[in-house]
N, C-alpha and C. Protein backbone atom coordinates (compact mmCIF):
# COMPACT_ATOMS: atom_id res chain seq x y z
N UNK A 1 14.40 4.89 3.56
CA UNK A 1 13.99 6.33 3.11
C UNK A 1 12.22 6.32 2.39
N UNK A 2 11.57 7.20 2.97
CA UNK A 2 10.46 7.36 2.46
C UNK A 2 9.79 7.92 1.06
N UNK A 3 9.71 7.36 0.56
CA UNK A 3 8.71 7.88 -0.74
C UNK A 3 7.87 9.07 -1.14
N UNK A 4 7.89 9.91 -1.67
CA UNK A 4 6.82 11.18 -2.11
C UNK A 4 7.12 11.54 -3.14
N UNK A 5 6.18 12.38 -3.07
CA UNK A 5 6.03 12.97 -4.24
C UNK A 5 6.68 14.33 -5.52
N UNK A 6 6.99 14.35 -4.36
CA UNK A 6 9.08 15.49 -4.43
C UNK A 6 9.89 14.57 -4.88
N UNK A 7 9.88 13.13 -4.42
CA UNK A 7 11.04 12.33 -4.69
C UNK A 7 11.20 11.47 -6.20
N UNK A 8 10.27 12.09 -6.39
CA UNK A 8 9.83 11.41 -7.96
C UNK A 8 10.05 13.01 -8.89
N UNK A 9 9.24 14.25 -8.26
CA UNK A 9 9.74 14.71 -9.32
C UNK A 9 10.93 15.33 -9.71
N UNK A 10 11.76 15.43 -8.62
CA UNK A 10 13.24 15.10 -8.45
C UNK A 10 13.56 14.37 -10.04
N UNK A 11 12.97 13.87 -10.27
CA UNK A 11 14.11 12.31 -11.20
C UNK A 11 14.62 13.36 -12.60
N UNK A 12 15.86 13.34 -12.49
CA UNK A 12 16.28 13.68 -13.89
C UNK A 12 15.96 12.64 -15.00
N UNK A 13 16.12 13.06 -16.13
CA UNK A 13 15.91 12.26 -17.20
C UNK A 13 17.27 11.47 -17.72
N UNK A 14 17.11 10.57 -18.13
CA UNK A 14 18.55 9.86 -18.25
C UNK A 14 18.65 9.49 -19.96
N UNK A 15 19.78 9.17 -20.64
CA UNK A 15 19.58 8.61 -21.92
C UNK A 15 18.66 7.56 -22.77
N UNK A 16 18.11 6.31 -21.24
CA UNK A 16 17.77 5.34 -21.08
C UNK A 16 16.66 5.24 -20.27
N UNK A 17 15.19 4.97 -20.73
CA UNK A 17 14.92 4.51 -20.09
C UNK A 17 15.17 4.07 -18.58
N UNK A 18 15.00 4.98 -17.82
CA UNK A 18 15.21 3.51 -16.42
C UNK A 18 13.67 3.76 -15.37
N UNK A 19 13.69 2.35 -14.04
CA UNK A 19 12.94 2.37 -13.04
C UNK A 19 12.77 2.26 -12.06
N UNK A 20 12.43 3.61 -11.28
CA UNK A 20 12.47 3.18 -9.60
C UNK A 20 11.52 2.18 -9.03
N UNK A 21 11.78 1.18 -8.38
CA UNK A 21 11.03 0.31 -7.19
C UNK A 21 10.07 1.05 -6.31
N UNK A 22 9.12 1.16 -6.45
CA UNK A 22 8.28 1.41 -5.54
C UNK A 22 7.30 0.38 -4.28
N UNK A 23 6.75 -0.39 -5.36
CA UNK A 23 6.48 -1.52 -4.21
C UNK A 23 6.50 -2.53 -4.72
N UNK A 24 6.55 -4.03 -4.73
CA UNK A 24 6.09 -4.79 -4.81
C UNK A 24 5.13 -4.55 -6.53
N UNK A 25 5.73 -5.45 -7.81
CA UNK A 25 5.24 -4.96 -8.52
C UNK A 25 4.62 -3.74 -9.02
N UNK A 26 5.02 -2.34 -8.29
CA UNK A 26 5.54 -1.12 -8.91
C UNK A 26 6.55 -0.02 -8.97
N UNK A 27 6.53 0.06 -10.23
CA UNK A 27 7.52 0.58 -10.51
C UNK A 27 7.62 2.21 -11.12
N UNK A 28 8.74 3.24 -10.99
CA UNK A 28 8.04 4.47 -11.62
C UNK A 28 9.16 4.50 -12.23
N UNK A 29 8.90 4.57 -13.77
CA UNK A 29 9.89 4.66 -14.57
C UNK A 29 9.82 6.15 -15.15
N UNK A 30 11.17 6.68 -15.75
CA UNK A 30 11.50 8.01 -16.38
C UNK A 30 11.95 7.44 -17.86
N UNK A 31 11.87 8.51 -18.58
CA UNK A 31 12.02 8.41 -19.87
C UNK A 31 12.79 9.74 -20.48
N UNK A 32 13.53 9.46 -21.44
CA UNK A 32 14.47 10.08 -22.12
C UNK A 32 14.28 11.44 -22.28
N UNK A 33 13.13 11.31 -22.79
CA UNK A 33 12.64 13.23 -23.01
C UNK A 33 11.34 13.45 -22.30
N UNK A 34 11.45 13.02 -20.56
CA UNK A 34 11.01 13.49 -19.03
C UNK A 34 10.25 12.75 -19.19
N UNK A 35 9.04 12.83 -19.57
CA UNK A 35 7.41 11.50 -19.79
C UNK A 35 8.51 10.68 -18.12
N UNK A 36 7.58 10.96 -16.85
CA UNK A 36 7.24 10.07 -15.53
C UNK A 36 5.63 9.14 -15.88
N UNK A 37 5.78 8.27 -15.32
CA UNK A 37 4.33 7.74 -15.56
C UNK A 37 5.11 6.19 -14.33
N UNK A 38 3.84 5.79 -13.75
CA UNK A 38 3.61 4.40 -12.74
C UNK A 38 2.92 3.22 -13.81
N UNK A 39 4.10 2.42 -13.52
CA UNK A 39 3.61 0.76 -14.86
C UNK A 39 3.80 -0.19 -13.54
N UNK A 40 2.74 -1.19 -13.86
CA UNK A 40 2.58 -2.13 -12.90
C UNK A 40 3.69 -3.34 -14.01
N UNK A 41 4.25 -4.36 -12.92
CA UNK A 41 5.15 -4.81 -13.71
C UNK A 41 5.06 -5.66 -13.00
N UNK A 42 4.42 -7.27 -13.97
CA UNK A 42 3.53 -8.94 -14.14
C UNK A 42 4.45 -9.56 -14.64
N UNK A 43 4.49 -10.61 -14.73
CA UNK A 43 4.10 -11.91 -15.74
C UNK A 43 2.90 -13.06 -15.93
N UNK A 44 3.36 -13.02 -17.06
CA UNK A 44 2.14 -13.96 -17.51
C UNK A 44 3.02 -15.23 -18.31
N UNK A 45 2.56 -16.61 -18.35
CA UNK A 45 3.07 -17.78 -18.81
C UNK A 45 4.85 -16.78 -18.91
N UNK A 46 5.57 -16.47 -17.58
CA UNK A 46 6.72 -16.83 -17.31
C UNK A 46 7.34 -15.50 -18.38
N UNK A 47 6.58 -14.55 -18.85
CA UNK A 47 6.70 -13.67 -19.35
C UNK A 47 6.32 -12.05 -18.71
N UNK A 48 7.88 -11.55 -19.03
CA UNK A 48 7.35 -10.03 -17.88
C UNK A 48 6.46 -9.55 -19.14
N UNK A 49 5.59 -8.76 -18.37
CA UNK A 49 4.73 -7.38 -18.94
C UNK A 49 4.47 -6.19 -18.61
N UNK A 50 4.53 -5.18 -19.38
CA UNK A 50 4.32 -3.53 -18.27
C UNK A 50 2.53 -3.13 -18.82
N UNK A 51 3.06 -2.33 -17.73
CA UNK A 51 0.91 -1.82 -18.12
C UNK A 51 0.99 -0.40 -16.74
N UNK A 52 0.76 0.56 -18.13
CA UNK A 52 1.48 1.60 -17.47
C UNK A 52 0.36 2.23 -16.90
N UNK A 53 -0.54 2.63 -15.37
CA UNK A 53 -1.15 3.40 -14.97
C UNK A 53 -1.41 4.08 -15.05
N UNK A 54 -0.50 5.45 -15.34
CA UNK A 54 -0.86 6.71 -14.84
C UNK A 54 0.31 7.44 -15.04
N UNK A 55 0.23 8.69 -15.56
CA UNK A 55 1.40 9.39 -16.04
C UNK A 55 1.36 10.84 -15.03
N UNK A 56 2.80 10.87 -14.19
CA UNK A 56 3.07 11.42 -13.39
C UNK A 56 3.26 13.12 -13.71
N UNK A 57 3.11 13.97 -13.71
CA UNK A 57 2.19 14.24 -11.81
C UNK A 57 0.35 14.58 -12.17
N UNK A 58 -0.28 13.81 -13.32
CA UNK A 58 -1.17 13.90 -12.90
C UNK A 58 -1.95 12.80 -12.22
N UNK A 59 -1.14 11.93 -11.50
CA UNK A 59 -1.54 10.71 -10.95
C UNK A 59 0.29 10.51 -9.51
N UNK A 60 -0.95 10.85 -8.60
CA UNK A 60 -0.19 10.45 -7.10
C UNK A 60 0.36 9.48 -7.00
N UNK A 61 1.45 9.05 -6.11
CA UNK A 61 1.66 7.64 -5.39
C UNK A 61 0.91 7.11 -4.64
N UNK A 62 -0.22 8.13 -4.25
CA UNK A 62 -1.29 7.27 -2.58
C UNK A 62 -2.61 6.44 -4.63
N UNK A 63 -2.04 7.24 -5.44
CA UNK A 63 -3.52 6.90 -6.12
C UNK A 63 -2.74 5.55 -7.34
N UNK A 64 -1.40 5.89 -7.82
CA UNK A 64 -0.76 4.87 -7.68
C UNK A 64 -0.84 3.36 -7.59
N UNK A 65 -0.70 3.86 -6.18
CA UNK A 65 -0.76 2.25 -4.80
C UNK A 65 -1.37 1.51 -6.07
N UNK A 66 -3.17 2.91 -5.64
CA UNK A 66 -3.99 2.20 -5.40
C UNK A 66 -4.56 1.52 -7.04
N UNK A 67 -3.84 1.93 -7.88
CA UNK A 67 -4.51 1.79 -9.40
C UNK A 67 -3.54 0.03 -9.68
N UNK A 68 -2.48 -0.59 -9.07
CA UNK A 68 -1.92 -0.75 -8.90
C UNK A 68 -2.33 -2.31 -8.33
N UNK A 69 -3.12 -1.51 -6.65
CA UNK A 69 -3.49 -2.93 -6.51
C UNK A 69 -4.65 -3.67 -6.45
N UNK A 70 -5.36 -2.79 -7.23
CA UNK A 70 -6.43 -3.25 -8.23
C UNK A 70 -6.18 -4.14 -9.94
N UNK A 71 -5.15 -3.32 -10.52
CA UNK A 71 -4.87 -3.91 -11.27
C UNK A 71 -4.29 -5.53 -10.89
N UNK A 72 -3.66 -5.35 -9.69
CA UNK A 72 -3.44 -7.05 -9.46
C UNK A 72 -4.08 -8.19 -9.61
N UNK A 73 -5.47 -7.07 -8.23
CA UNK A 73 -6.89 -7.84 -8.23
C UNK A 73 -7.35 -9.10 -9.79
N UNK A 74 -7.76 -7.76 -10.96
CA UNK A 74 -8.10 -8.31 -11.38
C UNK A 74 -7.16 -8.65 -12.61
N UNK A 75 -6.01 -9.12 -12.86
CA UNK A 75 -5.02 -9.80 -13.28
C UNK A 75 -4.93 -11.05 -12.29
N UNK A 76 -5.41 -11.16 -10.73
CA UNK A 76 -5.28 -12.80 -10.26
C UNK A 76 -6.73 -13.43 -10.22
N UNK A 77 -7.91 -12.54 -10.75
CA UNK A 77 -9.28 -12.88 -11.07
C UNK A 77 -9.15 -14.12 -12.78
N UNK A 78 -8.49 -12.99 -13.39
CA UNK A 78 -8.59 -13.93 -15.01
C UNK A 78 -7.21 -14.55 -15.40
N UNK A 79 -6.17 -14.50 -14.19
CA UNK A 79 -5.43 -15.16 -14.65
C UNK A 79 -5.77 -17.26 -13.72
N UNK A 80 -7.07 -16.40 -12.67
CA UNK A 80 -7.66 -17.77 -12.17
C UNK A 80 -8.61 -18.42 -13.00
N UNK A 81 -9.45 -17.52 -13.29
CA UNK A 81 -10.56 -18.39 -14.57
C UNK A 81 -9.96 -18.66 -15.79
N UNK A 82 -8.03 -18.07 -16.17
CA UNK A 82 -8.14 -18.67 -17.80
C UNK A 82 -7.02 -20.73 -16.52
N UNK A 83 -7.28 -20.12 -15.33
CA UNK A 83 -6.67 -21.79 -14.77
C UNK A 83 -7.36 -22.80 -14.88
N UNK A 84 -8.80 -22.43 -14.92
CA UNK A 84 -9.77 -23.17 -14.45
C UNK A 84 -10.64 -22.97 -16.15
N UNK A 85 -10.35 -23.16 -16.88
CA UNK A 85 -11.06 -23.09 -18.69
C UNK A 85 -12.16 -21.36 -18.78
N UNK A 86 -12.13 -21.04 -17.62
CA UNK A 86 -12.75 -20.29 -18.08
C UNK A 86 -13.21 -19.03 -19.27
N UNK A 87 -13.15 -18.52 -19.74
CA UNK A 87 -12.82 -17.58 -21.30
C UNK A 87 -13.05 -16.09 -20.38
N UNK A 88 -11.83 -15.38 -20.42
CA UNK A 88 -11.79 -14.49 -19.89
C UNK A 88 -12.20 -13.27 -21.82
N UNK A 89 -11.95 -12.16 -21.25
CA UNK A 89 -11.96 -10.81 -22.31
C UNK A 89 -11.31 -11.28 -24.22
N UNK A 90 -8.97 -11.67 -23.80
CA UNK A 90 -8.95 -11.72 -24.96
C UNK A 90 -9.01 -13.55 -25.32
N UNK A 91 -9.36 -14.01 -24.43
CA UNK A 91 -9.65 -15.93 -25.06
C UNK A 91 -10.26 -15.11 -26.30
N UNK A 92 -11.71 -14.99 -25.78
CA UNK A 92 -12.96 -14.25 -26.77
C UNK A 92 -12.78 -13.90 -27.68
N UNK A 93 -11.54 -12.90 -27.93
CA UNK A 93 -10.95 -12.57 -29.34
C UNK A 93 -9.98 -13.33 -30.02
N UNK A 94 -9.50 -14.11 -28.90
CA UNK A 94 -8.74 -15.35 -29.85
C UNK A 94 -9.15 -16.08 -30.87
N UNK A 95 -10.26 -16.40 -30.46
CA UNK A 95 -11.50 -17.68 -31.12
C UNK A 95 -12.37 -17.55 -31.73
N UNK A 96 -11.70 -15.88 -31.77
CA UNK A 96 -13.45 -14.82 -32.55
C UNK A 96 -12.55 -15.26 -33.70
N UNK A 97 -11.08 -14.81 -33.63
CA UNK A 97 -10.05 -14.80 -34.43
C UNK A 97 -9.37 -16.31 -35.75
N UNK A 98 -10.07 -16.70 -34.29
CA UNK A 98 -8.99 -18.59 -34.95
C UNK A 98 -10.36 -18.91 -35.95
N UNK A 99 -11.56 -18.63 -35.22
CA UNK A 99 -12.53 -19.41 -36.65
C UNK A 99 -12.83 -18.44 -38.06
N UNK A 100 -12.22 -17.08 -37.92
CA UNK A 100 -12.45 -16.66 -38.73
C UNK A 100 -11.09 -16.55 -40.07
N UNK A 101 -9.99 -17.08 -39.52
CA UNK A 101 -8.90 -17.64 -40.67
C UNK A 101 -9.15 -18.53 -40.97
N UNK A 102 -9.64 -19.70 -39.91
CA UNK A 102 -10.37 -21.57 -40.51
C UNK A 102 -10.25 -21.73 -41.99
N UNK A 103 -9.55 -22.60 -42.77
CA UNK A 103 -9.36 -22.72 -44.03
C UNK A 103 -9.54 -22.27 -44.91
N UNK A 104 -8.71 -20.65 -44.42
CA UNK A 104 -8.41 -19.39 -44.81
C UNK A 104 -6.60 -19.37 -45.03
N UNK A 105 -6.02 -20.03 -45.30
CA UNK A 105 -4.63 -19.69 -45.32
C UNK A 105 -4.17 -18.30 -46.42
N UNK A 106 -4.84 -17.36 -46.73
CA UNK A 106 -4.50 -16.32 -47.32
C UNK A 106 -4.65 -15.62 -46.39
N UNK A 107 -5.97 -15.49 -45.74
CA UNK A 107 -6.85 -15.06 -44.76
C UNK A 107 -5.66 -14.70 -43.71
N UNK A 108 -4.95 -15.59 -43.42
CA UNK A 108 -4.24 -16.25 -41.86
C UNK A 108 -3.10 -15.34 -42.59
N UNK A 109 -2.27 -15.35 -43.97
CA UNK A 109 -0.30 -15.21 -44.55
C UNK A 109 -1.20 -13.31 -44.11
N UNK A 110 -1.89 -12.85 -44.46
CA UNK A 110 -2.56 -11.57 -44.81
C UNK A 110 -2.39 -10.72 -43.40
N UNK A 111 -2.97 -11.19 -42.28
CA UNK A 111 -3.12 -10.40 -41.58
C UNK A 111 -2.04 -10.64 -40.70
N UNK A 112 -1.27 -11.14 -40.49
CA UNK A 112 0.58 -12.03 -40.18
C UNK A 112 1.05 -11.19 -41.15
N UNK A 113 1.09 -10.28 -42.20
CA UNK A 113 2.37 -9.86 -43.01
C UNK A 113 1.36 -8.11 -43.28
N UNK A 114 0.35 -7.85 -42.87
CA UNK A 114 0.14 -6.22 -42.35
C UNK A 114 -0.39 -6.14 -44.05
N UNK A 115 -0.57 -4.63 -44.13
CA UNK A 115 -2.10 -4.58 -45.46
C UNK A 115 -1.32 -4.21 -46.79
N UNK A 116 0.34 -3.81 -47.02
CA UNK A 116 0.72 -3.70 -47.74
C UNK A 116 1.54 -4.85 -48.79
N UNK A 117 1.51 -5.94 -47.79
CA UNK A 117 1.84 -7.58 -48.02
C UNK A 117 0.32 -8.11 -48.50
N UNK A 118 -0.49 -7.81 -47.65
CA UNK A 118 -2.22 -8.48 -47.72
C UNK A 118 -2.27 -7.84 -49.23
N UNK A 119 -2.32 -6.80 -49.92
CA UNK A 119 -2.61 -6.88 -50.84
C UNK A 119 -1.49 -6.91 -52.14
N UNK A 120 -0.41 -7.05 -51.63
CA UNK A 120 0.85 -7.40 -53.13
C UNK A 120 -0.01 -9.05 -52.86
N UNK A 121 -0.27 -9.93 -51.98
CA UNK A 121 -0.51 -11.34 -52.21
C UNK A 121 -2.34 -12.03 -52.62
N UNK A 122 -2.94 -10.31 -52.38
CA UNK A 122 -4.37 -10.41 -53.05
C UNK A 122 -4.34 -9.90 -55.13
N UNK A 123 -3.50 -9.46 -54.75
CA UNK A 123 -3.47 -9.24 -57.12
C UNK A 123 -2.71 -10.82 -57.23
N UNK A 124 -1.52 -10.84 -56.59
CA UNK A 124 -1.59 -12.48 -57.07
C UNK A 124 -2.49 -13.45 -57.24
N UNK A 125 -3.18 -13.51 -56.57
CA UNK A 125 -4.21 -14.37 -56.61
C UNK A 125 -5.45 -14.20 -57.76
N UNK A 126 -5.30 -12.91 -57.66
CA UNK A 126 -6.42 -12.61 -58.69
C UNK A 126 -6.06 -12.33 -59.68
N UNK A 127 -4.44 -11.80 -60.68
CA UNK A 127 -4.33 -11.92 -61.57
C UNK A 127 -2.96 -13.11 -61.64
N UNK A 128 -2.83 -13.72 -60.97
CA UNK A 128 -1.07 -14.61 -60.83
C UNK A 128 -2.19 -15.66 -61.29
């Protein structure tokens, strides 16, 4: 069956999100509230990841295929850089955060706990 925009327009919402495969790595997701979107599905270090490419009907099938191909090229380039130890955008953020919390266990705990818990920890540290 040849897929078209009409086919995706006619997909009804169901009680749970469901995916309709379009091609390798590209799926069409329909949510219970009726939202429909194009999603790139890929794996990183053995874990499945999902990246929304655009909403339907604003993004049509042809444009979704182009966006998926471009996103896959970017992911391949980033994984190739990571394989050879080159820094990527995410590694830069991770190293900055690691430098920030190094030698500051309270800060590391606070970042992992959230604002309210961090505030409580600060009060205990100041007045305890």
